Amino acid sequence: MSDHTIEPDIAEAVHAVANRYGVAGLEDLIDLAQQELVVARKALEELAPGPD
């Protein structure tokens, strides 16, 4: 693990998925999170200031 601190709400959500849906649920969560990460990174790039 890295030195990055994970927000308690995020950890709680992951544990809730794991406890309710097991491995398959975690796999679904990771897949969806990776899709959302692509969208979020693209949006961030669009908001980044262009070259001056």
C-alpha atoms as a PDB file:
ATOM      1  CA  MET A   1       0.000   0.000   0.000  1.00  0.00           C
ATOM      2  CA  SER A   2       1.049   3.563  -0.512  1.00  0.00           C
ATOM      3  CA  ASP A   3       1.261   6.366   2.020  1.00  0.00           C
ATOM      4  CA  HIS A   4      -2.009   7.754   0.591  1.00  0.00           C
ATOM      5  CA  THR A   5      -4.806   7.806   3.159  1.00  0.00           C
ATOM      6  CA  ILE A   6      -8.095   6.404   1.919  1.00  0.00           C
ATOM      7  CA  GLU A   7     -11.192   8.345   2.886  1.00  0.00           C
ATOM      8  CA  PRO A   8     -13.215   6.426   5.493  1.00  0.00           C
ATOM      9  CA  ASP A   9     -16.421   6.701   3.422  1.00  0.00           C
ATOM     10  CA  ILE A  10     -14.681   5.068   0.457  1.00  0.00           C
ATOM     11  CA  ALA A  11     -13.292   2.256   2.602  1.00  0.00           C
ATOM     12  CA  GLU A  12     -16.720   1.715   4.142  1.00  0.00           C
ATOM     13  CA  ALA A  13     -18.363   1.528   0.699  1.00  0.00           C
ATOM     14  CA  VAL A  14     -15.823  -1.035  -0.513  1.00  0.00           C
ATOM     15  CA  HIS A  15     -16.261  -3.146   2.607  1.00  0.00           C
ATOM     16  CA  ALA A  16     -20.041  -2.966   2.256  1.00  0.00           C
ATOM     17  CA  VAL A  17     -19.825  -4.242  -1.328  1.00  0.00           C
ATOM     18  CA  ALA A  18     -17.417  -7.001  -0.300  1.00  0.00           C
ATOM     19  CA  ASN A  19     -19.626  -8.090   2.583  1.00  0.00           C
ATOM     20  CA  ARG A  20     -22.839  -8.053   0.572  1.00  0.00           C
ATOM     21  CA  TYR A  21     -21.711  -9.243  -2.881  1.00  0.00           C
ATOM     22  CA  GLY A  22     -18.389 -10.987  -2.264  1.00  0.00           C
ATOM     23  CA  VAL A  23     -15.635 -11.342  -4.828  1.00  0.00           C
ATOM     24  CA  ALA A  24     -17.953 -10.893  -7.807  1.00  0.00           C
ATOM     25  CA  GLY A  25     -19.238  -7.637  -6.367  1.00  0.00           C
ATOM     26  CA  LEU A  26     -15.714  -6.342  -5.802  1.00  0.00           C
ATOM     27  CA  GLU A  27     -14.803  -7.259  -9.364  1.00  0.00           C
ATOM     28  CA  ASP A  28     -17.842  -5.344 -10.622  1.00  0.00           C
ATOM     29  CA  LEU A  29     -16.956  -2.393  -8.411  1.00  0.00           C
ATOM     30  CA  ILE A  30     -13.383  -2.320  -9.714  1.00  0.00           C
ATOM     31  CA  ASP A  31     -14.564  -2.570 -13.326  1.00  0.00           C
ATOM     32  CA  LEU A  32     -17.022   0.284 -12.902  1.00  0.00           C
ATOM     33  CA  ALA A  33     -14.479   2.378 -10.988  1.00  0.00           C
ATOM     34  CA  GLN A  34     -11.951   1.939 -13.802  1.00  0.00           C
ATOM     35  CA  GLN A  35     -14.550   3.088 -16.337  1.00  0.00           C
ATOM     36  CA  GLU A  36     -15.381   6.122 -14.207  1.00  0.00           C
ATOM     37  CA  LEU A  37     -11.681   6.904 -13.806  1.00  0.00           C
ATOM     38  CA  VAL A  38     -11.285   7.159 -17.583  1.00  0.00           C
ATOM     39  CA  VAL A  39     -14.231   9.571 -17.755  1.00  0.00           C
ATOM     40  CA  ALA A  40     -12.949  11.650 -14.837  1.00  0.00           C
ATOM     41  CA  ARG A  41      -9.422  11.883 -16.243  1.00  0.00           C
ATOM     42  CA  LYS A  42     -10.774  12.973 -19.619  1.00  0.00           C
ATOM     43  CA  ALA A  43     -12.892  15.665 -17.948  1.00  0.00           C
ATOM     44  CA  LEU A  44      -9.885  16.839 -15.959  1.00  0.00           C
ATOM     45  CA  GLU A  45      -7.818  17.113 -19.133  1.00  0.00           C
ATOM     46  CA  GLU A  46     -10.550  19.211 -20.739  1.00  0.00           C
ATOM     47  CA  LEU A  47     -10.561  21.550 -17.743  1.00  0.00           C
ATOM     48  CA  ALA A  48      -6.775  21.881 -17.620  1.00  0.00           C
ATOM     49  CA  PRO A  49      -5.457  25.221 -18.850  1.00  0.00           C
ATOM     50  CA  GLY A  50      -4.016  25.128 -22.344  1.00  0.00           C
ATOM     51  CA  PRO A  51      -0.587  26.352 -23.326  1.00  0.00           C
ATOM     52  CA  ASP A  52      -0.192  30.123 -23.094  1.00  0.00           C
END
